[in-house]
Amino acid sequence: MNTTLYSYDGKDLIVDKEVYNSCEPATSFREALKRQAESLHSKINNYVIFLSGGIDSQTKAYGFVLAGIKPRCVFLKLIYRLPDNSIRWNKEEFFYASLFAKEHNLKLEVFEIEFDKDRIQDIVFQSNYFNNTAGTGIMFFSEAVRDFIKYKNYKGSIITGHATFSMSRSGKICSGDFFRPDAGLL
């Protein structure tokens, strides 16, 4: 449930009191993560968490761990094939995602996505990279998610650490969306 919680005009942070007061605040960060996971789990029965190895996705998955829920976790292995046919991939991210999964006794699936020079060029131009504020990370993440949905014929929901607290700007006015309590549901 996407609810605008605040807006900011450069001088004042305006909080929507009705939305803010609509749920009891958590007493700790752990409690907030746990409640968020429980809320998501109670509302959707087919979901996957993309575990990148970064702190955002680990935090999201940790909420489920705290709630005693073993979520389906998938690592998106981004493979780049060089012109000489050698490959590079996100090994360091996999190391941290694997470490987290092992520490919390979670099964980690690996989904491989291959990029070459032409596909990267297509992604950059199709996303209008030079005229928008998105970074390359979210562009490749989005492409990988699309591949996962397509090639796995996935029909469920996607939970990610992205967009828990997002900002948008219109002229000099910034506003934010806070997904309460279902943060990170795509």
C-alpha atoms as a PDB file:
ATOM      1  CA  MET A   1       0.000   0.000   0.000  1.00  0.00           C
ATOM      2  CA  ASN A   2       1.763   3.101  -1.218  1.00  0.00           C
ATOM      3  CA  THR A   3       0.842   6.115   0.889  1.00  0.00           C
ATOM      4  CA  THR A   4       2.399   9.554   0.718  1.00  0.00           C
ATOM      5  CA  LEU A   5       3.593  10.157   4.222  1.00  0.00           C
ATOM      6  CA  TYR A   6       5.369  13.471   3.866  1.00  0.00           C
ATOM      7  CA  SER A   7       6.254  16.274   1.517  1.00  0.00           C
ATOM      8  CA  TYR A   8       9.131  18.682   1.671  1.00  0.00           C
ATOM      9  CA  ASP A   9       9.318  22.113   0.076  1.00  0.00           C
ATOM     10  CA  GLY A  10      12.854  23.086   1.074  1.00  0.00           C
ATOM     11  CA  LYS A  11      11.735  24.694   4.324  1.00  0.00           C
ATOM     12  CA  ASP A  12       9.269  22.445   6.069  1.00  0.00           C
ATOM     13  CA  LEU A  13       8.726  18.728   6.301  1.00  0.00           C
ATOM     14  CA  ILE A  14       4.972  18.222   6.219  1.00  0.00           C
ATOM     15  CA  VAL A  15       3.841  14.912   7.683  1.00  0.00           C
ATOM     16  CA  ASP A  16       0.431  13.468   6.875  1.00  0.00           C
ATOM     17  CA  LYS A  17      -0.761  12.936  10.468  1.00  0.00           C
ATOM     18  CA  GLU A  18      -3.648  10.668   9.473  1.00  0.00           C
ATOM     19  CA  VAL A  19      -1.314   8.247   7.701  1.00  0.00           C
ATOM     20  CA  TYR A  20       1.368   8.574  10.366  1.00  0.00           C
ATOM     21  CA  ASN A  21      -1.063   7.827  13.179  1.00  0.00           C
ATOM     22  CA  SER A  22      -2.739   4.941  11.363  1.00  0.00           C
ATOM     23  CA  CYS A  23      -0.404   2.349  12.854  1.00  0.00           C
ATOM     24  CA  GLU A  24       1.464   1.927  16.088  1.00  0.00           C
ATOM     25  CA  PRO A  25       5.144   2.798  15.784  1.00  0.00           C
ATOM     26  CA  ALA A  26       7.574  -0.046  16.295  1.00  0.00           C
ATOM     27  CA  THR A  27       9.678   0.032  19.427  1.00  0.00           C
ATOM     28  CA  SER A  28      12.871  -0.981  17.594  1.00  0.00           C
ATOM     29  CA  PHE A  29      14.261  -1.392  14.113  1.00  0.00           C
ATOM     30  CA  ARG A  30      14.152  -5.176  14.536  1.00  0.00           C
ATOM     31  CA  GLU A  31      10.496  -4.971  15.539  1.00  0.00           C
ATOM     32  CA  ALA A  32       9.731  -2.798  12.500  1.00  0.00           C
ATOM     33  CA  LEU A  33      11.424  -5.291  10.169  1.00  0.00           C
ATOM     34  CA  LYS A  34       9.623  -8.211  11.765  1.00  0.00           C
ATOM     35  CA  ARG A  35       6.211  -6.515  11.570  1.00  0.00           C
ATOM     36  CA  GLN A  36       6.823  -5.534   7.974  1.00  0.00           C
ATOM     37  CA  ALA A  37       7.686  -9.131   7.040  1.00  0.00           C
ATOM     38  CA  GLU A  38       4.665 -10.497   8.921  1.00  0.00           C
ATOM     39  CA  SER A  39       2.419  -8.013   7.143  1.00  0.00           C
ATOM     40  CA  LEU A  40       3.762  -8.955   3.722  1.00  0.00           C
ATOM     41  CA  HIS A  41       3.581 -12.673   4.485  1.00  0.00           C
ATOM     42  CA  SER A  42      -0.033 -12.386   5.678  1.00  0.00           C
ATOM     43  CA  LYS A  43      -1.123 -10.574   2.508  1.00  0.00           C
ATOM     44  CA  ILE A  44       0.704 -12.483  -0.217  1.00  0.00           C
ATOM     45  CA  ASN A  45       1.383 -16.179  -0.449  1.00  0.00           C
ATOM     46  CA  ASN A  46       3.671 -16.351  -3.467  1.00  0.00           C
ATOM     47  CA  TYR A  47       6.670 -14.069  -3.260  1.00  0.00           C
ATOM     48  CA  VAL A  48      10.398 -14.015  -3.791  1.00  0.00           C
ATOM     49  CA  ILE A  49      13.094 -11.868  -2.197  1.00  0.00           C
ATOM     50  CA  PHE A  50      15.959 -10.876  -4.470  1.00  0.00           C
ATOM     51  CA  LEU A  51      18.971 -11.140  -2.187  1.00  0.00           C
ATOM     52  CA  SER A  52      21.818  -9.135  -3.716  1.00  0.00           C
ATOM     53  CA  GLY A  53      24.306  -9.298  -0.895  1.00  0.00           C
ATOM     54  CA  GLY A  54      23.774  -5.616  -0.162  1.00  0.00           C
ATOM     55  CA  ILE A  55      22.438  -4.256   3.090  1.00  0.00           C
ATOM     56  CA  ASP A  56      19.014  -3.287   1.682  1.00  0.00           C
ATOM     57  CA  SER A  57      18.023  -6.777   0.572  1.00  0.00           C
ATOM     58  CA  GLN A  58      19.658  -8.421   3.581  1.00  0.00           C
ATOM     59  CA  THR A  59      17.644  -6.154   5.869  1.00  0.00           C
ATOM     60  CA  LYS A  60      14.455  -7.076   4.045  1.00  0.00           C
ATOM     61  CA  ALA A  61      15.208 -10.808   4.311  1.00  0.00           C
ATOM     62  CA  TYR A  62      16.244 -10.412   7.951  1.00  0.00           C
ATOM     63  CA  GLY A  63      12.756  -9.180   8.819  1.00  0.00           C
ATOM     64  CA  PHE A  64      11.403 -12.540   7.644  1.00  0.00           C
ATOM     65  CA  VAL A  65      14.056 -14.378   9.639  1.00  0.00           C
ATOM     66  CA  LEU A  66      13.038 -12.427  12.761  1.00  0.00           C
ATOM     67  CA  ALA A  67       9.420 -13.393  12.114  1.00  0.00           C
ATOM     68  CA  GLY A  68      10.370 -17.076  11.858  1.00  0.00           C
ATOM     69  CA  ILE A  69       9.537 -17.173   8.140  1.00  0.00           C
ATOM     70  CA  LYS A  70      11.868 -18.826   5.603  1.00  0.00           C
ATOM     71  CA  PRO A  71      11.348 -16.789   2.417  1.00  0.00           C
ATOM     72  CA  ARG A  72      12.284 -17.865  -1.082  1.00  0.00           C
ATOM     73  CA  CYS A  73      15.525 -16.001  -1.803  1.00  0.00           C
ATOM     74  CA  VAL A  74      17.030 -15.559  -5.268  1.00  0.00           C
ATOM     75  CA  PHE A  75      20.416 -14.141  -6.203  1.00  0.00           C
ATOM     76  CA  LEU A  76      20.556 -12.469  -9.621  1.00  0.00           C
ATOM     77  CA  LYS A  77      23.898 -13.506 -11.131  1.00  0.00           C
ATOM     78  CA  LEU A  78      24.718 -10.786 -13.643  1.00  0.00           C
ATOM     79  CA  ILE A  79      27.139 -12.188 -16.211  1.00  0.00           C
ATOM     80  CA  TYR A  80      28.985  -9.944 -18.645  1.00  0.00           C
ATOM     81  CA  ARG A  81      30.530 -11.679 -21.638  1.00  0.00           C
ATOM     82  CA  LEU A  82      33.557  -9.837 -22.986  1.00  0.00           C
ATOM     83  CA  PRO A  83      34.410  -9.798 -26.714  1.00  0.00           C
ATOM     84  CA  ASP A  84      37.090 -12.474 -26.103  1.00  0.00           C
ATOM     85  CA  ASN A  85      34.333 -14.710 -24.591  1.00  0.00           C
ATOM     86  CA  SER A  86      35.701 -14.449 -21.068  1.00  0.00           C
ATOM     87  CA  ILE A  87      33.147 -13.530 -18.439  1.00  0.00           C
ATOM     88  CA  ARG A  88      32.850 -11.252 -15.453  1.00  0.00           C
ATOM     89  CA  TRP A  89      30.103 -11.534 -12.881  1.00  0.00           C
ATOM     90  CA  ASN A  90      29.066 -10.104  -9.509  1.00  0.00           C
ATOM     91  CA  LYS A  91      31.163 -12.516  -7.388  1.00  0.00           C
ATOM     92  CA  GLU A  92      31.533 -10.211  -4.400  1.00  0.00           C
ATOM     93  CA  GLU A  93      27.775  -9.698  -4.121  1.00  0.00           C
ATOM     94  CA  PHE A  94      27.268 -13.459  -4.359  1.00  0.00           C
ATOM     95  CA  PHE A  95      29.791 -13.986  -1.576  1.00  0.00           C
ATOM     96  CA  TYR A  96      27.829 -11.714   0.788  1.00  0.00           C
ATOM     97  CA  ALA A  97      24.414 -13.053  -0.262  1.00  0.00           C
ATOM     98  CA  SER A  98      25.643 -16.638   0.277  1.00  0.00           C
ATOM     99  CA  LEU A  99      27.133 -15.748   3.638  1.00  0.00           C
ATOM    100  CA  PHE A 100      23.856 -14.176   4.781  1.00  0.00           C
ATOM    101  CA  ALA A 101      21.797 -17.129   3.519  1.00  0.00           C
ATOM    102  CA  LYS A 102      24.084 -19.640   5.236  1.00  0.00           C
ATOM    103  CA  GLU A 103      24.108 -17.681   8.504  1.00  0.00           C
ATOM    104  CA  HIS A 104      20.298 -17.660   8.590  1.00  0.00           C
ATOM    105  CA  ASN A 105      19.765 -21.148   7.156  1.00  0.00           C
ATOM    106  CA  LEU A 106      18.027 -19.871   4.014  1.00  0.00           C
ATOM    107  CA  LYS A 107      18.118 -21.616   0.653  1.00  0.00           C
ATOM    108  CA  LEU A 108      19.590 -19.288  -1.981  1.00  0.00           C
ATOM    109  CA  GLU A 109      18.568 -19.891  -5.585  1.00  0.00           C
ATOM    110  CA  VAL A 110      20.757 -18.443  -8.335  1.00  0.00           C
ATOM    111  CA  PHE A 111      19.259 -17.012 -11.517  1.00  0.00           C
ATOM    112  CA  GLU A 112      21.791 -16.218 -14.248  1.00  0.00           C
ATOM    113  CA  ILE A 113      21.364 -13.294 -16.622  1.00  0.00           C
ATOM    114  CA  GLU A 114      23.880 -12.740 -19.373  1.00  0.00           C
ATOM    115  CA  PHE A 115      24.725  -9.326 -20.758  1.00  0.00           C
ATOM    116  CA  ASP A 116      26.912  -8.512 -23.707  1.00  0.00           C
ATOM    117  CA  LYS A 117      27.894  -5.166 -25.201  1.00  0.00           C
ATOM    118  CA  ASP A 118      24.807  -4.959 -27.431  1.00  0.00           C
ATOM    119  CA  ARG A 119      22.352  -5.789 -24.656  1.00  0.00           C
ATOM    120  CA  ILE A 120      23.945  -3.252 -22.320  1.00  0.00           C
ATOM    121  CA  GLN A 121      23.732  -0.603 -25.018  1.00  0.00           C
ATOM    122  CA  ASP A 122      20.054  -1.453 -25.583  1.00  0.00           C
ATOM    123  CA  ILE A 123      19.293  -1.200 -21.852  1.00  0.00           C
ATOM    124  CA  VAL A 124      21.039   2.164 -21.541  1.00  0.00           C
ATOM    125  CA  PHE A 125      19.202   3.669 -24.493  1.00  0.00           C
ATOM    126  CA  GLN A 126      15.799   2.090 -23.779  1.00  0.00           C
ATOM    127  CA  SER A 127      15.870   3.378 -20.213  1.00  0.00           C
ATOM    128  CA  ASN A 128      16.689   6.867 -21.461  1.00  0.00           C
ATOM    129  CA  TYR A 129      19.693   6.742 -19.119  1.00  0.00           C
ATOM    130  CA  PHE A 130      21.146  10.101 -20.090  1.00  0.00           C
ATOM    131  CA  ASN A 131      17.906  11.942 -19.337  1.00  0.00           C
ATOM    132  CA  ASN A 132      16.722  10.328 -16.118  1.00  0.00           C
ATOM    133  CA  THR A 133      17.963  10.091 -12.555  1.00  0.00           C
ATOM    134  CA  ALA A 134      18.098   6.297 -12.264  1.00  0.00           C
ATOM    135  CA  GLY A 135      21.525   4.789 -11.807  1.00  0.00           C
ATOM    136  CA  THR A 136      22.832   1.851 -13.753  1.00  0.00           C
ATOM    137  CA  GLY A 137      22.332  -0.491 -10.807  1.00  0.00           C
ATOM    138  CA  ILE A 138      18.558  -0.157 -10.849  1.00  0.00           C
ATOM    139  CA  MET A 139      18.516  -0.421 -14.665  1.00  0.00           C
ATOM    140  CA  PHE A 140      20.308  -3.776 -14.647  1.00  0.00           C
ATOM    141  CA  PHE A 141      18.351  -4.955 -11.605  1.00  0.00           C
ATOM    142  CA  SER A 142      15.080  -4.141 -13.407  1.00  0.00           C
ATOM    143  CA  GLU A 143      16.249  -5.940 -16.540  1.00  0.00           C
ATOM    144  CA  ALA A 144      17.219  -8.988 -14.475  1.00  0.00           C
ATOM    145  CA  VAL A 145      13.838  -8.992 -12.722  1.00  0.00           C
ATOM    146  CA  ARG A 146      12.087  -8.858 -16.115  1.00  0.00           C
ATOM    147  CA  ASP A 147      14.181 -11.839 -17.274  1.00  0.00           C
ATOM    148  CA  PHE A 148      13.375 -13.755 -14.092  1.00  0.00           C
ATOM    149  CA  ILE A 149       9.641 -13.168 -14.554  1.00  0.00           C
ATOM    150  CA  LYS A 150       9.800 -14.097 -18.234  1.00  0.00           C
ATOM    151  CA  TYR A 151      12.062 -17.162 -18.147  1.00  0.00           C
ATOM    152  CA  LYS A 152      10.736 -18.597 -14.891  1.00  0.00           C
ATOM    153  CA  ASN A 153       7.157 -17.730 -15.909  1.00  0.00           C
ATOM    154  CA  TYR A 154       6.892 -16.181 -12.455  1.00  0.00           C
ATOM    155  CA  LYS A 155       3.431 -15.012 -11.408  1.00  0.00           C
ATOM    156  CA  GLY A 156       4.058 -14.028  -7.785  1.00  0.00           C
ATOM    157  CA  SER A 157       5.130 -10.868  -6.024  1.00  0.00           C
ATOM    158  CA  ILE A 158       8.649  -9.525  -5.763  1.00  0.00           C
ATOM    159  CA  ILE A 159      10.020  -8.207  -2.504  1.00  0.00           C
ATOM    160  CA  THR A 160      13.128  -6.108  -2.611  1.00  0.00           C
ATOM    161  CA  GLY A 161      15.088  -3.758  -0.395  1.00  0.00           C
ATOM    162  CA  HIS A 162      14.683  -1.010  -2.977  1.00  0.00           C
ATOM    163  CA  ALA A 163      12.117   1.753  -2.565  1.00  0.00           C
ATOM    164  CA  THR A 164      11.482   1.465   1.142  1.00  0.00           C
ATOM    165  CA  PHE A 165      11.774   5.228   1.292  1.00  0.00           C
ATOM    166  CA  SER A 166      11.793   6.976  -2.043  1.00  0.00           C
ATOM    167  CA  MET A 167      11.871  10.590  -3.078  1.00  0.00           C
ATOM    168  CA  SER A 168      10.552  12.349  -6.121  1.00  0.00           C
ATOM    169  CA  ARG A 169      10.999  15.936  -7.191  1.00  0.00           C
ATOM    170  CA  SER A 170       8.717  18.250  -9.075  1.00  0.00           C
ATOM    171  CA  GLY A 171      10.458  21.586  -9.519  1.00  0.00           C
ATOM    172  CA  LYS A 172      11.512  22.717  -6.052  1.00  0.00           C
ATOM    173  CA  ILE A 173       9.061  20.419  -4.266  1.00  0.00           C
ATOM    174  CA  CYS A 174      10.296  17.042  -3.014  1.00  0.00           C
ATOM    175  CA  SER A 175       7.864  14.443  -1.822  1.00  0.00           C
ATOM    176  CA  GLY A 176       8.358  10.998  -0.465  1.00  0.00           C
ATOM    177  CA  ASP A 177       6.612   7.710  -0.397  1.00  0.00           C
ATOM    178  CA  PHE A 178       6.972   5.339   2.476  1.00  0.00           C
ATOM    179  CA  PHE A 179       5.459   1.941   1.964  1.00  0.00           C
ATOM    180  CA  ARG A 180       3.740   1.162   5.260  1.00  0.00           C
ATOM    181  CA  PRO A 181       3.893  -1.551   6.371  1.00  0.00           C
ATOM    182  CA  ASP A 182       4.547  -3.339   3.067  1.00  0.00           C
ATOM    183  CA  ALA A 183       7.875  -1.719   2.171  1.00  0.00           C
ATOM    184  CA  GLY A 184       9.692  -3.164  -0.753  1.00  0.00           C
ATOM    185  CA  LEU A 185       6.816  -4.896  -2.510  1.00  0.00           C
ATOM    186  CA  LEU A 186       6.974  -4.514  -6.283  1.00  0.00           C
END
